[in-house]
Amino acid sequence: MKEKCALKIPLHLLLLDFVGAALLGLGLAEWFANTGLVPESIRFENYYIVMVIVGGLLMLPVLLHFMKVARSGWRGR
């Protein structure tokens, strides 16, 4: 019989990953396509680089969680 294997990801990590991916995507769009989606009032010099870095950093906790689960020998239980 086939067992279902589901990896439980905490909600707070999913939210951080979502916000990080949005910042990363918006920063890359601003950097390479000059889309102008960020309001002028919150722009500063090289703001898109800061958005890319912060977005990447916000996505790190879920990656570290996956690595911790993999090291602990998760078997889908």
N, C-alpha and C. Protein backbone atom coordinates (compact mmCIF):
# COMPACT_ATOMS: atom_id res chain seq x y z
N MET A 1 0.83 -1.17 0.00
CA MET A 1 0.00 0.00 0.00
C MET A 1 0.88 1.24 0.00
N LYS A 2 0.47 2.23 -0.74
CA LYS A 2 1.25 3.44 -0.87
C LYS A 2 0.95 4.39 0.29
N GLU A 3 2.01 4.90 0.92
CA GLU A 3 1.86 5.85 2.02
C GLU A 3 1.94 7.27 1.49
N LYS A 4 1.15 8.16 2.07
CA LYS A 4 1.23 9.56 1.72
C LYS A 4 2.35 10.20 2.53
N CYS A 5 3.20 10.95 1.86
CA CYS A 5 4.27 11.67 2.53
C CYS A 5 4.03 13.16 2.34
N ALA A 6 3.86 13.85 3.44
CA ALA A 6 3.63 15.29 3.37
C ALA A 6 4.58 16.00 4.32
N LEU A 7 5.30 16.94 3.78
CA LEU A 7 6.22 17.74 4.58
C LEU A 7 5.44 18.93 5.14
N LYS A 8 5.42 19.05 6.45
CA LYS A 8 4.71 20.15 7.10
C LYS A 8 5.62 21.37 7.14
N ILE A 9 5.16 22.46 6.54
CA ILE A 9 5.91 23.71 6.53
C ILE A 9 5.15 24.70 7.40
N PRO A 10 5.80 25.27 8.42
CA PRO A 10 5.12 26.23 9.29
C PRO A 10 4.62 27.45 8.49
N LEU A 11 3.47 27.97 8.91
CA LEU A 11 2.83 29.09 8.21
C LEU A 11 3.72 30.33 8.18
N HIS A 12 4.41 30.60 9.29
CA HIS A 12 5.25 31.80 9.32
C HIS A 12 6.40 31.72 8.32
N LEU A 13 6.90 30.52 8.07
CA LEU A 13 7.95 30.37 7.06
C LEU A 13 7.40 30.55 5.65
N LEU A 14 6.19 30.08 5.43
CA LEU A 14 5.56 30.28 4.12
C LEU A 14 5.31 31.77 3.86
N LEU A 15 4.87 32.49 4.89
CA LEU A 15 4.64 33.92 4.73
C LEU A 15 5.94 34.67 4.45
N LEU A 16 6.99 34.33 5.18
CA LEU A 16 8.29 34.95 4.93
C LEU A 16 8.77 34.66 3.52
N ASP A 17 8.60 33.43 3.07
CA ASP A 17 9.02 33.05 1.74
C ASP A 17 8.22 33.82 0.68
N PHE A 18 6.92 33.98 0.90
CA PHE A 18 6.09 34.72 -0.04
C PHE A 18 6.52 36.18 -0.14
N VAL A 19 6.72 36.82 1.01
CA VAL A 19 7.14 38.23 1.02
C VAL A 19 8.53 38.37 0.38
N GLY A 20 9.42 37.44 0.70
CA GLY A 20 10.75 37.47 0.12
C GLY A 20 10.74 37.29 -1.39
N ALA A 21 9.92 36.37 -1.86
CA ALA A 21 9.83 36.15 -3.31
C ALA A 21 9.24 37.38 -4.01
N ALA A 22 8.26 38.03 -3.38
CA ALA A 22 7.67 39.23 -3.96
C ALA A 22 8.71 40.36 -4.03
N LEU A 23 9.46 40.55 -2.95
CA LEU A 23 10.50 41.58 -2.95
C LEU A 23 11.59 41.28 -3.97
N LEU A 24 12.00 40.03 -4.02
CA LEU A 24 13.04 39.64 -4.96
C LEU A 24 12.57 39.86 -6.40
N GLY A 25 11.36 39.43 -6.70
CA GLY A 25 10.84 39.61 -8.05
C GLY A 25 10.67 41.06 -8.43
N LEU A 26 10.14 41.85 -7.50
CA LEU A 26 9.96 43.28 -7.76
C LEU A 26 11.31 43.97 -7.93
N GLY A 27 12.27 43.61 -7.09
CA GLY A 27 13.60 44.21 -7.20
C GLY A 27 14.27 43.85 -8.52
N LEU A 28 14.15 42.60 -8.95
CA LEU A 28 14.74 42.20 -10.23
C LEU A 28 14.03 42.88 -11.40
N ALA A 29 12.71 43.04 -11.30
CA ALA A 29 11.97 43.73 -12.36
C ALA A 29 12.40 45.20 -12.46
N GLU A 30 12.59 45.83 -11.31
CA GLU A 30 13.05 47.21 -11.31
C GLU A 30 14.47 47.33 -11.84
N TRP A 31 15.31 46.38 -11.46
CA TRP A 31 16.72 46.43 -11.82
C TRP A 31 16.92 46.24 -13.32
N PHE A 32 16.32 45.18 -13.86
CA PHE A 32 16.60 44.83 -15.25
C PHE A 32 15.61 45.41 -16.26
N ALA A 33 14.36 45.64 -15.85
CA ALA A 33 13.37 46.12 -16.81
C ALA A 33 12.94 47.56 -16.56
N ASN A 34 13.39 48.13 -15.45
CA ASN A 34 13.04 49.50 -15.10
C ASN A 34 11.53 49.73 -15.23
N THR A 35 10.77 48.91 -14.51
CA THR A 35 9.33 48.91 -14.64
C THR A 35 8.64 50.09 -13.98
N GLY A 36 9.21 50.66 -12.95
CA GLY A 36 8.59 51.79 -12.27
C GLY A 36 7.42 51.41 -11.39
N LEU A 37 7.40 50.18 -10.87
CA LEU A 37 6.31 49.73 -10.02
C LEU A 37 6.42 50.25 -8.59
N VAL A 38 7.61 50.59 -8.16
CA VAL A 38 7.83 51.11 -6.81
C VAL A 38 7.53 52.61 -6.82
N PRO A 39 6.70 53.07 -5.88
CA PRO A 39 6.36 54.51 -5.85
C PRO A 39 7.60 55.39 -5.67
N GLU A 40 7.57 56.55 -6.29
CA GLU A 40 8.70 57.49 -6.26
C GLU A 40 9.03 57.91 -4.83
N SER A 41 8.03 57.96 -3.96
CA SER A 41 8.26 58.46 -2.59
C SER A 41 9.13 57.53 -1.76
N ILE A 42 9.22 56.24 -2.09
CA ILE A 42 10.06 55.33 -1.29
C ILE A 42 11.31 54.89 -2.04
N ARG A 43 11.58 55.47 -3.17
CA ARG A 43 12.81 55.14 -3.91
C ARG A 43 14.00 55.88 -3.34
N PHE A 44 15.14 55.24 -3.39
CA PHE A 44 16.41 55.87 -3.04
C PHE A 44 17.45 55.27 -3.97
N GLU A 45 18.66 55.73 -3.88
CA GLU A 45 19.70 55.27 -4.79
C GLU A 45 19.94 53.77 -4.60
N ASN A 46 19.87 53.03 -5.69
CA ASN A 46 20.08 51.57 -5.71
C ASN A 46 19.09 50.82 -4.82
N TYR A 47 17.87 51.28 -4.75
CA TYR A 47 16.84 50.61 -3.94
C TYR A 47 16.55 49.21 -4.43
N TYR A 48 16.66 48.98 -5.72
CA TYR A 48 16.36 47.67 -6.28
C TYR A 48 17.37 46.61 -5.83
N ILE A 49 18.60 47.00 -5.61
CA ILE A 49 19.60 46.06 -5.11
C ILE A 49 19.27 45.67 -3.67
N VAL A 50 18.85 46.64 -2.87
CA VAL A 50 18.44 46.37 -1.49
C VAL A 50 17.24 45.44 -1.47
N MET A 51 16.30 45.65 -2.39
CA MET A 51 15.11 44.79 -2.45
C MET A 51 15.50 43.35 -2.80
N VAL A 52 16.43 43.17 -3.71
CA VAL A 52 16.87 41.83 -4.09
C VAL A 52 17.55 41.14 -2.91
N ILE A 53 18.41 41.85 -2.21
CA ILE A 53 19.14 41.26 -1.08
C ILE A 53 18.18 40.92 0.07
N VAL A 54 17.30 41.85 0.42
CA VAL A 54 16.35 41.61 1.51
C VAL A 54 15.40 40.48 1.14
N GLY A 55 14.95 40.44 -0.10
CA GLY A 55 14.09 39.36 -0.55
C GLY A 55 14.77 38.00 -0.45
N GLY A 56 16.02 37.94 -0.85
CA GLY A 56 16.77 36.69 -0.72
C GLY A 56 16.96 36.27 0.73
N LEU A 57 17.24 37.24 1.59
CA LEU A 57 17.41 36.94 3.01
C LEU A 57 16.11 36.45 3.65
N LEU A 58 14.98 37.01 3.22
CA LEU A 58 13.70 36.57 3.77
C LEU A 58 13.33 35.16 3.30
N MET A 59 13.91 34.72 2.20
CA MET A 59 13.63 33.38 1.70
C MET A 59 14.54 32.32 2.33
N LEU A 60 15.58 32.74 3.01
CA LEU A 60 16.52 31.79 3.63
C LEU A 60 15.92 30.90 4.72
N PRO A 61 15.07 31.40 5.62
CA PRO A 61 14.58 30.54 6.71
C PRO A 61 13.88 29.27 6.24
N VAL A 62 13.11 29.33 5.17
CA VAL A 62 12.43 28.12 4.70
C VAL A 62 13.46 27.14 4.12
N LEU A 63 14.49 27.65 3.47
CA LEU A 63 15.55 26.78 2.98
C LEU A 63 16.29 26.11 4.13
N LEU A 64 16.59 26.88 5.17
CA LEU A 64 17.26 26.31 6.35
C LEU A 64 16.36 25.28 7.05
N HIS A 65 15.06 25.53 7.05
CA HIS A 65 14.12 24.56 7.64
C HIS A 65 14.17 23.25 6.86
N PHE A 66 14.15 23.32 5.53
CA PHE A 66 14.24 22.11 4.71
C PHE A 66 15.54 21.36 4.96
N MET A 67 16.64 22.10 5.11
CA MET A 67 17.93 21.45 5.36
C MET A 67 17.93 20.76 6.73
N LYS A 68 17.33 21.41 7.73
CA LYS A 68 17.26 20.82 9.07
C LYS A 68 16.43 19.55 9.05
N VAL A 69 15.30 19.58 8.34
CA VAL A 69 14.44 18.41 8.24
C VAL A 69 15.17 17.28 7.51
N ALA A 70 15.89 17.61 6.45
CA ALA A 70 16.62 16.59 5.70
C ALA A 70 17.73 15.96 6.54
N ARG A 71 18.41 16.77 7.33
CA ARG A 71 19.47 16.24 8.18
C ARG A 71 18.95 15.36 9.31
N SER A 72 17.73 15.64 9.77
CA SER A 72 17.18 14.86 10.88
C SER A 72 16.68 13.49 10.43
N GLY A 73 16.72 13.25 9.14
CA GLY A 73 16.31 11.94 8.65
C GLY A 73 14.82 11.79 8.52
N TRP A 74 14.15 12.83 8.02
CA TRP A 74 12.70 12.82 7.85
C TRP A 74 12.29 11.65 6.96
N ARG A 75 11.32 10.91 7.40
CA ARG A 75 10.87 9.74 6.66
C ARG A 75 9.40 9.86 6.24
N GLY A 76 8.84 11.07 6.32
CA GLY A 76 7.45 11.27 5.91
C GLY A 76 6.44 10.92 6.97
N ARG A 77 6.86 10.94 8.22
CA ARG A 77 5.94 10.60 9.32
C ARG A 77 5.46 11.83 10.00
